[in-house]
Amino acid sequence: MEERIVVDPRVLRGKAVIKGTRIPVYLILELLAAGMSVEDILKEYPELKEEDIRAALEYASKLLKSEVVLPLEA
């Protein structure tokens, strides 16, 4: 994942992107959530590879795994 995802404050204001592109990780997740298949995404964004999409999913998973959830006050 580290070799495919980059966070650089000079690129998209520091959003996580696929290395060598300006395609943000969140866009890949949104496309998958909207029902696009991996094959459809690769057709739409030919600069991507299947490994990039897997890396985006892994990146999101790691972020959520470390998320701190605070209880709501009643």
N, C-alpha and C. Protein backbone atom coordinates (compact mmCIF):
# COMPACT_ATOMS: atom_id res chain seq x y z
N MET A 1 0.82 -1.19 0.00
CA MET A 1 0.00 0.00 0.00
C MET A 1 0.86 1.25 0.00
N GLU A 2 1.94 1.26 0.78
CA GLU A 2 2.77 2.46 0.91
C GLU A 2 3.36 2.89 -0.42
N GLU A 3 3.63 1.95 -1.32
CA GLU A 3 4.22 2.32 -2.60
C GLU A 3 3.17 2.80 -3.61
N ARG A 4 1.89 2.70 -3.27
CA ARG A 4 0.82 3.09 -4.20
C ARG A 4 0.03 4.32 -3.75
N ILE A 5 0.03 4.61 -2.46
CA ILE A 5 -0.72 5.74 -1.92
C ILE A 5 0.25 6.81 -1.44
N VAL A 6 -0.03 8.07 -1.80
CA VAL A 6 0.83 9.18 -1.42
C VAL A 6 -0.01 10.26 -0.76
N VAL A 7 0.53 10.85 0.29
CA VAL A 7 -0.08 12.02 0.92
C VAL A 7 0.95 13.13 0.86
N ASP A 8 0.67 14.14 0.04
CA ASP A 8 1.60 15.24 -0.19
C ASP A 8 0.81 16.54 -0.11
N PRO A 9 1.17 17.45 0.78
CA PRO A 9 0.40 18.68 0.92
C PRO A 9 0.35 19.52 -0.36
N ARG A 10 1.25 19.25 -1.30
CA ARG A 10 1.25 20.00 -2.57
C ARG A 10 0.34 19.39 -3.62
N VAL A 11 -0.22 18.20 -3.32
CA VAL A 11 -1.11 17.53 -4.26
C VAL A 11 -2.48 17.39 -3.62
N LEU A 12 -3.48 18.00 -4.24
CA LEU A 12 -4.86 17.96 -3.73
C LEU A 12 -4.95 18.30 -2.23
N ARG A 13 -4.15 19.28 -1.84
CA ARG A 13 -4.17 19.76 -0.44
C ARG A 13 -3.92 18.66 0.58
N GLY A 14 -3.10 17.69 0.20
CA GLY A 14 -2.72 16.65 1.14
C GLY A 14 -3.67 15.47 1.22
N LYS A 15 -4.65 15.41 0.33
CA LYS A 15 -5.53 14.24 0.30
C LYS A 15 -4.72 13.03 -0.17
N ALA A 16 -5.06 11.87 0.28
CA ALA A 16 -4.39 10.64 -0.15
C ALA A 16 -4.76 10.39 -1.61
N VAL A 17 -3.73 10.21 -2.46
CA VAL A 17 -3.94 9.95 -3.88
C VAL A 17 -3.15 8.72 -4.31
N ILE A 18 -3.50 8.20 -5.46
CA ILE A 18 -2.73 7.12 -6.06
C ILE A 18 -1.44 7.74 -6.59
N LYS A 19 -0.33 7.16 -6.24
CA LYS A 19 0.98 7.69 -6.62
C LYS A 19 1.07 7.91 -8.13
N GLY A 20 1.59 9.08 -8.51
CA GLY A 20 1.76 9.42 -9.91
C GLY A 20 0.51 9.94 -10.58
N THR A 21 -0.57 10.12 -9.81
CA THR A 21 -1.83 10.63 -10.35
C THR A 21 -2.36 11.71 -9.41
N ARG A 22 -3.46 12.30 -9.81
CA ARG A 22 -4.20 13.19 -8.92
C ARG A 22 -5.55 12.55 -8.58
N ILE A 23 -5.60 11.23 -8.63
CA ILE A 23 -6.83 10.50 -8.33
C ILE A 23 -6.85 10.19 -6.84
N PRO A 24 -7.79 10.82 -6.10
CA PRO A 24 -7.82 10.60 -4.66
C PRO A 24 -8.42 9.25 -4.28
N VAL A 25 -7.95 8.74 -3.17
CA VAL A 25 -8.46 7.47 -2.64
C VAL A 25 -9.97 7.55 -2.44
N TYR A 26 -10.45 8.68 -1.93
CA TYR A 26 -11.89 8.77 -1.65
C TYR A 26 -12.72 8.61 -2.92
N LEU A 27 -12.20 9.05 -4.07
CA LEU A 27 -12.95 8.91 -5.32
C LEU A 27 -13.11 7.44 -5.68
N ILE A 28 -12.06 6.68 -5.52
CA ILE A 28 -12.14 5.24 -5.81
C ILE A 28 -13.18 4.58 -4.91
N LEU A 29 -13.17 4.95 -3.63
CA LEU A 29 -14.15 4.38 -2.69
C LEU A 29 -15.57 4.78 -3.07
N GLU A 30 -15.76 6.03 -3.46
CA GLU A 30 -17.09 6.49 -3.87
C GLU A 30 -17.58 5.74 -5.10
N LEU A 31 -16.69 5.51 -6.06
CA LEU A 31 -17.08 4.80 -7.27
C LEU A 31 -17.48 3.36 -6.95
N LEU A 32 -16.72 2.70 -6.09
CA LEU A 32 -17.07 1.34 -5.68
C LEU A 32 -18.40 1.33 -4.93
N ALA A 33 -18.60 2.29 -4.04
CA ALA A 33 -19.84 2.37 -3.27
C ALA A 33 -21.04 2.64 -4.17
N ALA A 34 -20.82 3.34 -5.27
CA ALA A 34 -21.90 3.64 -6.21
C ALA A 34 -22.22 2.45 -7.11
N GLY A 35 -21.45 1.38 -6.97
CA GLY A 35 -21.75 0.17 -7.72
C GLY A 35 -20.86 -0.08 -8.93
N MET A 36 -19.89 0.78 -9.16
CA MET A 36 -18.98 0.53 -10.28
C MET A 36 -18.11 -0.67 -9.96
N SER A 37 -17.85 -1.47 -10.97
CA SER A 37 -16.96 -2.62 -10.78
C SER A 37 -15.52 -2.15 -10.93
N VAL A 38 -14.62 -2.98 -10.48
CA VAL A 38 -13.19 -2.68 -10.64
C VAL A 38 -12.88 -2.51 -12.12
N GLU A 39 -13.44 -3.36 -12.96
CA GLU A 39 -13.20 -3.29 -14.40
C GLU A 39 -13.70 -1.96 -14.97
N ASP A 40 -14.87 -1.50 -14.51
CA ASP A 40 -15.41 -0.21 -14.98
C ASP A 40 -14.50 0.94 -14.57
N ILE A 41 -14.00 0.90 -13.35
CA ILE A 41 -13.11 1.96 -12.88
C ILE A 41 -11.83 1.98 -13.69
N LEU A 42 -11.29 0.81 -13.98
CA LEU A 42 -10.06 0.73 -14.77
C LEU A 42 -10.27 1.24 -16.19
N LYS A 43 -11.46 1.03 -16.74
CA LYS A 43 -11.77 1.57 -18.08
C LYS A 43 -11.87 3.09 -18.03
N GLU A 44 -12.51 3.60 -16.97
CA GLU A 44 -12.71 5.04 -16.82
C GLU A 44 -11.39 5.77 -16.52
N TYR A 45 -10.53 5.11 -15.78
CA TYR A 45 -9.24 5.69 -15.38
C TYR A 45 -8.12 4.73 -15.78
N PRO A 46 -7.74 4.73 -17.05
CA PRO A 46 -6.77 3.75 -17.54
C PRO A 46 -5.38 3.85 -16.90
N GLU A 47 -5.09 4.97 -16.25
CA GLU A 47 -3.80 5.10 -15.57
C GLU A 47 -3.74 4.28 -14.28
N LEU A 48 -4.90 3.80 -13.81
CA LEU A 48 -4.95 2.98 -12.60
C LEU A 48 -4.70 1.52 -12.92
N LYS A 49 -4.24 0.81 -11.92
CA LYS A 49 -4.09 -0.64 -11.98
C LYS A 49 -4.97 -1.24 -10.88
N GLU A 50 -5.30 -2.51 -11.03
CA GLU A 50 -6.13 -3.17 -10.02
C GLU A 50 -5.49 -3.07 -8.63
N GLU A 51 -4.18 -3.14 -8.57
CA GLU A 51 -3.46 -3.04 -7.30
C GLU A 51 -3.68 -1.68 -6.65
N ASP A 52 -3.88 -0.63 -7.45
CA ASP A 52 -4.16 0.70 -6.90
C ASP A 52 -5.50 0.71 -6.17
N ILE A 53 -6.48 0.03 -6.74
CA ILE A 53 -7.80 -0.02 -6.13
C ILE A 53 -7.74 -0.82 -4.83
N ARG A 54 -7.01 -1.92 -4.84
CA ARG A 54 -6.85 -2.70 -3.61
C ARG A 54 -6.12 -1.87 -2.55
N ALA A 55 -5.12 -1.11 -2.96
CA ALA A 55 -4.38 -0.27 -2.01
C ALA A 55 -5.29 0.80 -1.42
N ALA A 56 -6.19 1.36 -2.22
CA ALA A 56 -7.13 2.36 -1.72
C ALA A 56 -8.04 1.75 -0.65
N LEU A 57 -8.50 0.54 -0.89
CA LEU A 57 -9.34 -0.14 0.11
C LEU A 57 -8.57 -0.44 1.38
N GLU A 58 -7.34 -0.88 1.23
CA GLU A 58 -6.51 -1.16 2.40
C GLU A 58 -6.23 0.12 3.19
N TYR A 59 -5.96 1.21 2.48
CA TYR A 59 -5.71 2.50 3.14
C TYR A 59 -6.93 2.92 3.97
N ALA A 60 -8.10 2.84 3.37
CA ALA A 60 -9.33 3.21 4.08
C ALA A 60 -9.56 2.31 5.29
N SER A 61 -9.30 1.03 5.13
CA SER A 61 -9.47 0.09 6.24
C SER A 61 -8.55 0.44 7.40
N LYS A 62 -7.30 0.76 7.10
CA LYS A 62 -6.36 1.10 8.17
C LYS A 62 -6.76 2.39 8.88
N LEU A 63 -7.27 3.36 8.12
CA LEU A 63 -7.73 4.60 8.75
C LEU A 63 -8.89 4.33 9.71
N LEU A 64 -9.84 3.54 9.26
CA LEU A 64 -11.00 3.25 10.10
C LEU A 64 -10.64 2.39 11.30
N LYS A 65 -9.68 1.53 11.12
CA LYS A 65 -9.25 0.67 12.23
C LYS A 65 -8.69 1.49 13.38
N SER A 66 -8.03 2.58 13.05
CA SER A 66 -7.42 3.40 14.10
C SER A 66 -8.34 4.54 14.56
N GLU A 67 -9.54 4.60 14.01
CA GLU A 67 -10.49 5.64 14.37
C GLU A 67 -10.90 5.51 15.84
N VAL A 68 -10.95 6.62 16.51
CA VAL A 68 -11.38 6.64 17.91
C VAL A 68 -12.85 7.05 17.94
N VAL A 69 -13.67 6.24 18.59
CA VAL A 69 -15.08 6.52 18.68
C VAL A 69 -15.40 6.92 20.12
N LEU A 70 -15.98 8.09 20.26
CA LEU A 70 -16.36 8.58 21.59
C LEU A 70 -17.85 8.37 21.79
N PRO A 71 -18.25 7.97 22.97
CA PRO A 71 -19.68 7.77 23.22
C PRO A 71 -20.42 9.11 23.19
N LEU A 72 -21.66 9.05 22.72
CA LEU A 72 -22.50 10.23 22.71
C LEU A 72 -23.01 10.50 24.12
N GLU A 73 -23.08 11.75 24.46
CA GLU A 73 -23.64 12.10 25.77
C GLU A 73 -25.16 12.11 25.68
N ALA A 74 -25.80 11.56 26.68
CA ALA A 74 -27.25 11.48 26.67
C ALA A 74 -27.89 12.75 27.10
